[in-house]
Amino acid sequence: YIISYESLSSGQDYKSFYNAIKSYGSWAHISKFVWAIVTDDKASEVRENLKSFLNPKDRIFVIRSGGEAAWKDVVCSSEWLKKNL
């Protein structure tokens, strides 16, 4: 899954949110507000789990990956993306 979120609150500490993403085991931090994870959970289950670590005004978008992808200058390993997307 690709997870995108947007913080609409200032001063929020997102360490718990990041740790929740990392708890899925296989993950990559693609860019500032975009992550990828590998899980058998449904998108709605991922959203429900992660939104509990966000502020009520924050936004989150979870989508199953698996189609064609292209990127440039991502934060994570391109090899991870090639293998897992």
PDB file of N, CA and C in Angstrom:
ATOM      1  N   TYR A   1       0.824  -1.189   0.000  1.00  0.00           N
ATOM      2  CA  TYR A   1       0.000   0.000   0.000  1.00  0.00           C
ATOM      3  C   TYR A   1       0.862   1.244   0.000  1.00  0.00           C
ATOM      4  N   ILE A   2       0.355   2.292  -0.592  1.00  0.00           N
ATOM      5  CA  ILE A   2       0.956   3.616  -0.517  1.00  0.00           C
ATOM      6  C   ILE A   2       0.118   4.412   0.482  1.00  0.00           C
ATOM      7  N   ILE A   3       0.787   5.040   1.418  1.00  0.00           N
ATOM      8  CA  ILE A   3       0.126   5.845   2.446  1.00  0.00           C
ATOM      9  C   ILE A   3       0.600   7.280   2.279  1.00  0.00           C
ATOM     10  N   SER A   4      -0.339   8.165   2.097  1.00  0.00           N
ATOM     11  CA  SER A   4      -0.033   9.591   2.022  1.00  0.00           C
ATOM     12  C   SER A   4      -0.820  10.273   3.138  1.00  0.00           C
ATOM     13  N   TYR A   5      -0.168  11.183   3.817  1.00  0.00           N
ATOM     14  CA  TYR A   5      -0.884  11.918   4.858  1.00  0.00           C
ATOM     15  C   TYR A   5      -0.503  13.377   4.786  1.00  0.00           C
ATOM     16  N   GLU A   6      -1.346  14.205   5.352  1.00  0.00           N
ATOM     17  CA  GLU A   6      -1.107  15.640   5.375  1.00  0.00           C
ATOM     18  C   GLU A   6      -1.419  16.149   6.766  1.00  0.00           C
ATOM     19  N   SER A   7      -0.453  16.819   7.351  1.00  0.00           N
ATOM     20  CA  SER A   7      -0.623  17.376   8.682  1.00  0.00           C
ATOM     21  C   SER A   7      -1.244  18.763   8.571  1.00  0.00           C
ATOM     22  N   LEU A   8      -2.365  18.933   9.208  1.00  0.00           N
ATOM     23  CA  LEU A   8      -3.024  20.243   9.230  1.00  0.00           C
ATOM     24  C   LEU A   8      -2.919  20.885  10.599  1.00  0.00           C
ATOM     25  N   SER A   9      -2.106  20.309  11.449  1.00  0.00           N
ATOM     26  CA  SER A   9      -1.907  20.820  12.803  1.00  0.00           C
ATOM     27  C   SER A   9      -0.435  21.185  12.975  1.00  0.00           C
ATOM     28  N   SER A  10      -0.180  22.230  13.689  1.00  0.00           N
ATOM     29  CA  SER A  10       1.213  22.602  13.930  1.00  0.00           C
ATOM     30  C   SER A  10       1.681  22.026  15.263  1.00  0.00           C
ATOM     31  N   GLY A  11       2.949  21.728  15.329  1.00  0.00           N
ATOM     32  CA  GLY A  11       3.532  21.261  16.578  1.00  0.00           C
ATOM     33  C   GLY A  11       3.241  19.815  16.918  1.00  0.00           C
ATOM     34  N   GLN A  12       2.699  19.046  15.993  1.00  0.00           N
ATOM     35  CA  GLN A  12       2.369  17.648  16.253  1.00  0.00           C
ATOM     36  C   GLN A  12       3.624  16.789  16.141  1.00  0.00           C
ATOM     37  N   ASP A  13       3.784  15.863  17.069  1.00  0.00           N
ATOM     38  CA  ASP A  13       4.872  14.895  17.016  1.00  0.00           C
ATOM     39  C   ASP A  13       4.329  13.624  16.377  1.00  0.00           C
ATOM     40  N   TYR A  14       4.909  13.211  15.256  1.00  0.00           N
ATOM     41  CA  TYR A  14       4.399  12.074  14.501  1.00  0.00           C
ATOM     42  C   TYR A  14       5.202  10.796  14.725  1.00  0.00           C
ATOM     43  N   LYS A  15       6.016  10.742  15.772  1.00  0.00           N
ATOM     44  CA  LYS A  15       6.808   9.544  16.043  1.00  0.00           C
ATOM     45  C   LYS A  15       5.924   8.308  16.220  1.00  0.00           C
ATOM     46  N   SER A  16       4.824   8.438  16.922  1.00  0.00           N
ATOM     47  CA  SER A  16       3.917   7.296  17.123  1.00  0.00           C
ATOM     48  C   SER A  16       3.314   6.844  15.798  1.00  0.00           C
ATOM     49  N   PHE A  17       2.979   7.785  14.941  1.00  0.00           N
ATOM     50  CA  PHE A  17       2.447   7.472  13.616  1.00  0.00           C
ATOM     51  C   PHE A  17       3.493   6.719  12.789  1.00  0.00           C
ATOM     52  N   TYR A  18       4.721   7.217  12.787  1.00  0.00           N
ATOM     53  CA  TYR A  18       5.800   6.553  12.046  1.00  0.00           C
ATOM     54  C   TYR A  18       6.060   5.151  12.599  1.00  0.00           C
ATOM     55  N   ASN A  19       6.051   5.019  13.915  1.00  0.00           N
ATOM     56  CA  ASN A  19       6.256   3.704  14.518  1.00  0.00           C
ATOM     57  C   ASN A  19       5.126   2.736  14.154  1.00  0.00           C
ATOM     58  N   ALA A  20       3.902   3.242  14.050  1.00  0.00           N
ATOM     59  CA  ALA A  20       2.777   2.399  13.649  1.00  0.00           C
ATOM     60  C   ALA A  20       2.964   1.905  12.208  1.00  0.00           C
ATOM     61  N   ILE A  21       3.448   2.769  11.346  1.00  0.00           N
ATOM     62  CA  ILE A  21       3.731   2.364   9.968  1.00  0.00           C
ATOM     63  C   ILE A  21       4.833   1.307   9.963  1.00  0.00           C
ATOM     64  N   LYS A  22       5.883   1.553  10.717  1.00  0.00           N
ATOM     65  CA  LYS A  22       7.010   0.622  10.755  1.00  0.00           C
ATOM     66  C   LYS A  22       6.627  -0.719  11.369  1.00  0.00           C
ATOM     67  N   SER A  23       5.560  -0.747  12.161  1.00  0.00           N
ATOM     68  CA  SER A  23       5.139  -1.999  12.791  1.00  0.00           C
ATOM     69  C   SER A  23       4.621  -3.007  11.769  1.00  0.00           C
ATOM     70  N   TYR A  24       4.331  -2.572  10.566  1.00  0.00           N
ATOM     71  CA  TYR A  24       3.903  -3.498   9.521  1.00  0.00           C
ATOM     72  C   TYR A  24       5.058  -4.377   9.048  1.00  0.00           C
ATOM     73  N   GLY A  25       6.266  -4.046   9.436  1.00  0.00           N
ATOM     74  CA  GLY A  25       7.421  -4.904   9.142  1.00  0.00           C
ATOM     75  C   GLY A  25       8.159  -4.511   7.891  1.00  0.00           C
ATOM     76  N   SER A  26       7.510  -4.563   6.754  1.00  0.00           N
ATOM     77  CA  SER A  26       8.138  -4.182   5.503  1.00  0.00           C
ATOM     78  C   SER A  26       7.586  -2.828   5.089  1.00  0.00           C
ATOM     79  N   TRP A  27       8.426  -1.812   5.140  1.00  0.00           N
ATOM     80  CA  TRP A  27       7.988  -0.444   4.887  1.00  0.00           C
ATOM     81  C   TRP A  27       9.108   0.361   4.226  1.00  0.00           C
ATOM     82  N   ALA A  28       8.725   1.464   3.618  1.00  0.00           N
ATOM     83  CA  ALA A  28       9.679   2.423   3.057  1.00  0.00           C
ATOM     84  C   ALA A  28       9.111   3.822   3.227  1.00  0.00           C
ATOM     85  N   HIS A  29       9.967   4.746   3.566  1.00  0.00           N
ATOM     86  CA  HIS A  29       9.602   6.158   3.658  1.00  0.00           C
ATOM     87  C   HIS A  29       9.986   6.775   2.319  1.00  0.00           C
ATOM     88  N   ILE A  30       9.005   7.028   1.474  1.00  0.00           N
ATOM     89  CA  ILE A  30       9.258   7.438   0.091  1.00  0.00           C
ATOM     90  C   ILE A  30       9.580   8.917  -0.015  1.00  0.00           C
ATOM     91  N   SER A  31       8.793   9.746   0.627  1.00  0.00           N
ATOM     92  CA  SER A  31       9.045  11.184   0.664  1.00  0.00           C
ATOM     93  C   SER A  31       8.457  11.723   1.963  1.00  0.00           C
ATOM     94  N   LYS A  32       8.530  13.018   2.163  1.00  0.00           N
ATOM     95  CA  LYS A  32       8.178  13.596   3.455  1.00  0.00           C
ATOM     96  C   LYS A  32       6.852  13.094   4.016  1.00  0.00           C
ATOM     97  N   PHE A  33       5.823  13.022   3.190  1.00  0.00           N
ATOM     98  CA  PHE A  33       4.497  12.638   3.663  1.00  0.00           C
ATOM     99  C   PHE A  33       3.965  11.375   2.987  1.00  0.00           C
ATOM    100  N   VAL A  34       4.850  10.577   2.402  1.00  0.00           N
ATOM    101  CA  VAL A  34       4.429   9.366   1.691  1.00  0.00           C
ATOM    102  C   VAL A  34       5.258   8.175   2.143  1.00  0.00           C
ATOM    103  N   TRP A  35       4.574   7.079   2.458  1.00  0.00           N
ATOM    104  CA  TRP A  35       5.196   5.827   2.889  1.00  0.00           C
ATOM    105  C   TRP A  35       4.630   4.691   2.054  1.00  0.00           C
ATOM    106  N   ALA A  36       5.300   3.566   2.068  1.00  0.00           N
ATOM    107  CA  ALA A  36       4.793   2.334   1.461  1.00  0.00           C
ATOM    108  C   ALA A  36       4.943   1.220   2.484  1.00  0.00           C
ATOM    109  N   ILE A  37       3.978   0.325   2.515  1.00  0.00           N
ATOM    110  CA  ILE A  37       4.044  -0.834   3.407  1.00  0.00           C
ATOM    111  C   ILE A  37       3.612  -2.078   2.639  1.00  0.00           C
ATOM    112  N   VAL A  38       3.995  -3.221   3.163  1.00  0.00           N
ATOM    113  CA  VAL A  38       3.523  -4.502   2.639  1.00  0.00           C
ATOM    114  C   VAL A  38       2.730  -5.167   3.757  1.00  0.00           C
ATOM    115  N   THR A  39       1.466  -5.478   3.479  1.00  0.00           N
ATOM    116  CA  THR A  39       0.598  -6.132   4.450  1.00  0.00           C
ATOM    117  C   THR A  39      -0.548  -6.828   3.727  1.00  0.00           C
ATOM    118  N   ASP A  40      -1.135  -7.812   4.365  1.00  0.00           N
ATOM    119  CA  ASP A  40      -2.319  -8.476   3.833  1.00  0.00           C
ATOM    120  C   ASP A  40      -3.601  -7.797   4.309  1.00  0.00           C
ATOM    121  N   ASP A  41      -3.483  -6.787   5.159  1.00  0.00           N
ATOM    122  CA  ASP A  41      -4.654  -6.054   5.642  1.00  0.00           C
ATOM    123  C   ASP A  41      -5.343  -5.334   4.485  1.00  0.00           C
ATOM    124  N   LYS A  42      -6.615  -5.002   4.670  1.00  0.00           N
ATOM    125  CA  LYS A  42      -7.350  -4.191   3.711  1.00  0.00           C
ATOM    126  C   LYS A  42      -6.956  -2.724   3.888  1.00  0.00           C
ATOM    127  N   ALA A  43      -7.140  -1.936   2.845  1.00  0.00           N
ATOM    128  CA  ALA A  43      -6.821  -0.509   2.908  1.00  0.00           C
ATOM    129  C   ALA A  43      -7.562   0.170   4.050  1.00  0.00           C
ATOM    130  N   SER A  44      -8.827  -0.172   4.232  1.00  0.00           N
ATOM    131  CA  SER A  44      -9.610   0.448   5.310  1.00  0.00           C
ATOM    132  C   SER A  44      -9.069   0.070   6.683  1.00  0.00           C
ATOM    133  N   GLU A  45      -8.536  -1.138   6.824  1.00  0.00           N
ATOM    134  CA  GLU A  45      -7.943  -1.556   8.098  1.00  0.00           C
ATOM    135  C   GLU A  45      -6.657  -0.776   8.376  1.00  0.00           C
ATOM    136  N   VAL A  46      -5.854  -0.567   7.351  1.00  0.00           N
ATOM    137  CA  VAL A  46      -4.630   0.233   7.505  1.00  0.00           C
ATOM    138  C   VAL A  46      -5.003   1.657   7.899  1.00  0.00           C
ATOM    139  N   ARG A  47      -5.967   2.224   7.185  1.00  0.00           N
ATOM    140  CA  ARG A  47      -6.415   3.589   7.502  1.00  0.00           C
ATOM    141  C   ARG A  47      -6.892   3.699   8.935  1.00  0.00           C
ATOM    142  N   GLU A  48      -7.749   2.769   9.363  1.00  0.00           N
ATOM    143  CA  GLU A  48      -8.293   2.826  10.720  1.00  0.00           C
ATOM    144  C   GLU A  48      -7.189   2.711  11.766  1.00  0.00           C
ATOM    145  N   ASN A  49      -6.237   1.835  11.519  1.00  0.00           N
ATOM    146  CA  ASN A  49      -5.121   1.686  12.456  1.00  0.00           C
ATOM    147  C   ASN A  49      -4.311   2.974  12.538  1.00  0.00           C
ATOM    148  N   LEU A  50      -3.956   3.533  11.404  1.00  0.00           N
ATOM    149  CA  LEU A  50      -3.061   4.683  11.389  1.00  0.00           C
ATOM    150  C   LEU A  50      -3.730   5.994  11.791  1.00  0.00           C
ATOM    151  N   LYS A  51      -4.990   6.145  11.477  1.00  0.00           N
ATOM    152  CA  LYS A  51      -5.632   7.430  11.784  1.00  0.00           C
ATOM    153  C   LYS A  51      -5.713   7.691  13.284  1.00  0.00           C
ATOM    154  N   SER A  52      -5.637   6.653  14.071  1.00  0.00           N
ATOM    155  CA  SER A  52      -5.671   6.848  15.522  1.00  0.00           C
ATOM    156  C   SER A  52      -4.411   7.557  16.029  1.00  0.00           C
ATOM    157  N   PHE A  53      -3.369   7.631  15.192  1.00  0.00           N
ATOM    158  CA  PHE A  53      -2.126   8.309  15.565  1.00  0.00           C
ATOM    159  C   PHE A  53      -2.046   9.716  14.979  1.00  0.00           C
ATOM    160  N   LEU A  54      -3.074  10.132  14.270  1.00  0.00           N
ATOM    161  CA  LEU A  54      -3.106  11.457  13.658  1.00  0.00           C
ATOM    162  C   LEU A  54      -4.058  12.373  14.415  1.00  0.00           C
ATOM    163  N   ASN A  55      -3.907  13.657  14.194  1.00  0.00           N
ATOM    164  CA  ASN A  55      -4.862  14.622  14.736  1.00  0.00           C
ATOM    165  C   ASN A  55      -6.151  14.539  13.937  1.00  0.00           C
ATOM    166  N   PRO A  56      -7.282  14.881  14.539  1.00  0.00           N
ATOM    167  CA  PRO A  56      -8.572  14.791  13.837  1.00  0.00           C
ATOM    168  C   PRO A  56      -8.616  15.573  12.520  1.00  0.00           C
ATOM    169  N   LYS A  57      -7.874  16.663  12.404  1.00  0.00           N
ATOM    170  CA  LYS A  57      -7.901  17.477  11.187  1.00  0.00           C
ATOM    171  C   LYS A  57      -6.927  16.978  10.113  1.00  0.00           C
ATOM    172  N   ASP A  58      -6.024  16.064  10.454  1.00  0.00           N
ATOM    173  CA  ASP A  58      -5.055  15.552   9.492  1.00  0.00           C
ATOM    174  C   ASP A  58      -5.750  14.694   8.440  1.00  0.00           C
ATOM    175  N   ARG A  59      -5.107  14.555   7.298  1.00  0.00           N
ATOM    176  CA  ARG A  59      -5.645  13.754   6.201  1.00  0.00           C
ATOM    177  C   ARG A  59      -4.793  12.518   6.002  1.00  0.00           C
ATOM    178  N   ILE A  60      -5.416  11.430   5.545  1.00  0.00           N
ATOM    179  CA  ILE A  60      -4.682  10.205   5.238  1.00  0.00           C
ATOM    180  C   ILE A  60      -5.334   9.553   4.022  1.00  0.00           C
ATOM    181  N   PHE A  61      -4.497   8.979   3.161  1.00  0.00           N
ATOM    182  CA  PHE A  61      -4.942   8.311   1.945  1.00  0.00           C
ATOM    183  C   PHE A  61      -4.156   7.015   1.829  1.00  0.00           C
ATOM    184  N   VAL A  62      -4.855   5.892   1.694  1.00  0.00           N
ATOM    185  CA  VAL A  62      -4.223   4.574   1.596  1.00  0.00           C
ATOM    186  C   VAL A  62      -4.714   3.915   0.316  1.00  0.00           C
ATOM    187  N   ILE A  63      -3.784   3.491  -0.535  1.00  0.00           N
ATOM    188  CA  ILE A  63      -4.161   2.863  -1.797  1.00  0.00           C
ATOM    189  C   ILE A  63      -3.275   1.652  -2.060  1.00  0.00           C
ATOM    190  N   ARG A  64      -3.881   0.586  -2.585  1.00  0.00           N
ATOM    191  CA  ARG A  64      -3.114  -0.615  -2.917  1.00  0.00           C
ATOM    192  C   ARG A  64      -2.236  -0.319  -4.121  1.00  0.00           C
ATOM    193  N   SER A  65      -0.972  -0.624  -4.005  1.00  0.00           N
ATOM    194  CA  SER A  65      -0.057  -0.449  -5.130  1.00  0.00           C
ATOM    195  C   SER A  65      -0.022  -1.738  -5.936  1.00  0.00           C
ATOM    196  N   GLY A  66       0.784  -1.777  -6.930  1.00  0.00           N
ATOM    197  CA  GLY A  66       0.911  -2.994  -7.721  1.00  0.00           C
ATOM    198  C   GLY A  66       0.866  -2.725  -9.205  1.00  0.00           C
ATOM    199  N   GLY A  67       0.595  -1.510  -9.576  1.00  0.00           N
ATOM    200  CA  GLY A  67       0.591  -1.152 -10.986  1.00  0.00           C
ATOM    201  C   GLY A  67       1.936  -0.589 -11.389  1.00  0.00           C
ATOM    202  N   GLU A  68       1.949   0.039 -12.492  1.00  0.00           N
ATOM    203  CA  GLU A  68       3.164   0.665 -12.992  1.00  0.00           C
ATOM    204  C   GLU A  68       3.552   1.827 -12.081  1.00  0.00           C
ATOM    205  N   ALA A  69       4.840   2.034 -11.897  1.00  0.00           N
ATOM    206  CA  ALA A  69       5.313   3.126 -11.048  1.00  0.00           C
ATOM    207  C   ALA A  69       6.603   3.699 -11.618  1.00  0.00           C
ATOM    208  N   ALA A  70       6.845   4.946 -11.345  1.00  0.00           N
ATOM    209  CA  ALA A  70       8.093   5.609 -11.720  1.00  0.00           C
ATOM    210  C   ALA A  70       8.403   6.632 -10.637  1.00  0.00           C
ATOM    211  N   TRP A  71       9.672   6.916 -10.419  1.00  0.00           N
ATOM    212  CA  TRP A  71      10.043   7.857  -9.371  1.00  0.00           C
ATOM    213  C   TRP A  71      11.394   8.477  -9.667  1.00  0.00           C
ATOM    214  N   LYS A  72      11.696   9.519  -8.902  1.00  0.00           N
ATOM    215  CA  LYS A  72      12.976  10.219  -8.989  1.00  0.00           C
ATOM    216  C   LYS A  72      13.296  10.787  -7.622  1.00  0.00           C
ATOM    217  N   ASP A  73      14.499  10.567  -7.188  1.00  0.00           N
ATOM    218  CA  ASP A  73      14.996  11.161  -5.937  1.00  0.00           C
ATOM    219  C   ASP A  73      14.115  10.867  -4.724  1.00  0.00           C
ATOM    220  N   VAL A  74      13.718   9.621  -4.556  1.00  0.00           N
ATOM    221  CA  VAL A  74      12.956   9.250  -3.366  1.00  0.00           C
ATOM    222  C   VAL A  74      13.901   9.087  -2.185  1.00  0.00           C
ATOM    223  N   VAL A  75      13.359   9.156  -0.986  1.00  0.00           N
ATOM    224  CA  VAL A  75      14.152   9.040   0.233  1.00  0.00           C
ATOM    225  C   VAL A  75      14.585   7.592   0.469  1.00  0.00           C
ATOM    226  N   CYS A  76      13.729   6.656   0.105  1.00  0.00           N
ATOM    227  CA  CYS A  76      14.000   5.242   0.378  1.00  0.00           C
ATOM    228  C   CYS A  76      14.823   4.609  -0.742  1.00  0.00           C
ATOM    229  N   SER A  77      15.097   3.348  -0.587  1.00  0.00           N
ATOM    230  CA  SER A  77      15.855   2.583  -1.568  1.00  0.00           C
ATOM    231  C   SER A  77      15.006   2.288  -2.803  1.00  0.00           C
ATOM    232  N   SER A  78      15.530   2.586  -3.967  1.00  0.00           N
ATOM    233  CA  SER A  78      14.839   2.239  -5.206  1.00  0.00           C
ATOM    234  C   SER A  78      14.678   0.729  -5.325  1.00  0.00           C
ATOM    235  N   GLU A  79      15.627  -0.010  -4.798  1.00  0.00           N
ATOM    236  CA  GLU A  79      15.545  -1.473  -4.840  1.00  0.00           C
ATOM    237  C   GLU A  79      14.345  -1.976  -4.050  1.00  0.00           C
ATOM    238  N   TRP A  80      14.072  -1.359  -2.877  1.00  0.00           N
ATOM    239  CA  TRP A  80      12.902  -1.750  -2.087  1.00  0.00           C
ATOM    240  C   TRP A  80      11.640  -1.522  -2.912  1.00  0.00           C
ATOM    241  N   LEU A  81      11.555  -0.357  -3.564  1.00  0.00           N
ATOM    242  CA  LEU A  81      10.371  -0.062  -4.360  1.00  0.00           C
ATOM    243  C   LEU A  81      10.212  -1.040  -5.518  1.00  0.00           C
ATOM    244  N   LYS A  82      11.286  -1.332  -6.230  1.00  0.00           N
ATOM    245  CA  LYS A  82      11.210  -2.280  -7.348  1.00  0.00           C
ATOM    246  C   LYS A  82      10.724  -3.652  -6.871  1.00  0.00           C
ATOM    247  N   LYS A  83      11.179  -4.065  -5.720  1.00  0.00           N
ATOM    248  CA  LYS A  83      10.819  -5.381  -5.195  1.00  0.00           C
ATOM    249  C   LYS A  83       9.392  -5.427  -4.659  1.00  0.00           C
ATOM    250  N   ASN A  84       8.932  -4.359  -4.019  1.00  0.00           N
ATOM    251  CA  ASN A  84       7.683  -4.400  -3.273  1.00  0.00           C
ATOM    252  C   ASN A  84       6.494  -3.706  -3.922  1.00  0.00           C
ATOM    253  N   LEU A  85       6.716  -2.864  -4.916  1.00  0.00           N
ATOM    254  CA  LEU A  85       5.575  -2.233  -5.560  1.00  0.00           C
ATOM    255  C   LEU A  85       5.087  -3.122  -6.675  1.00  0.00           C
TER     256      LEU A  85
END
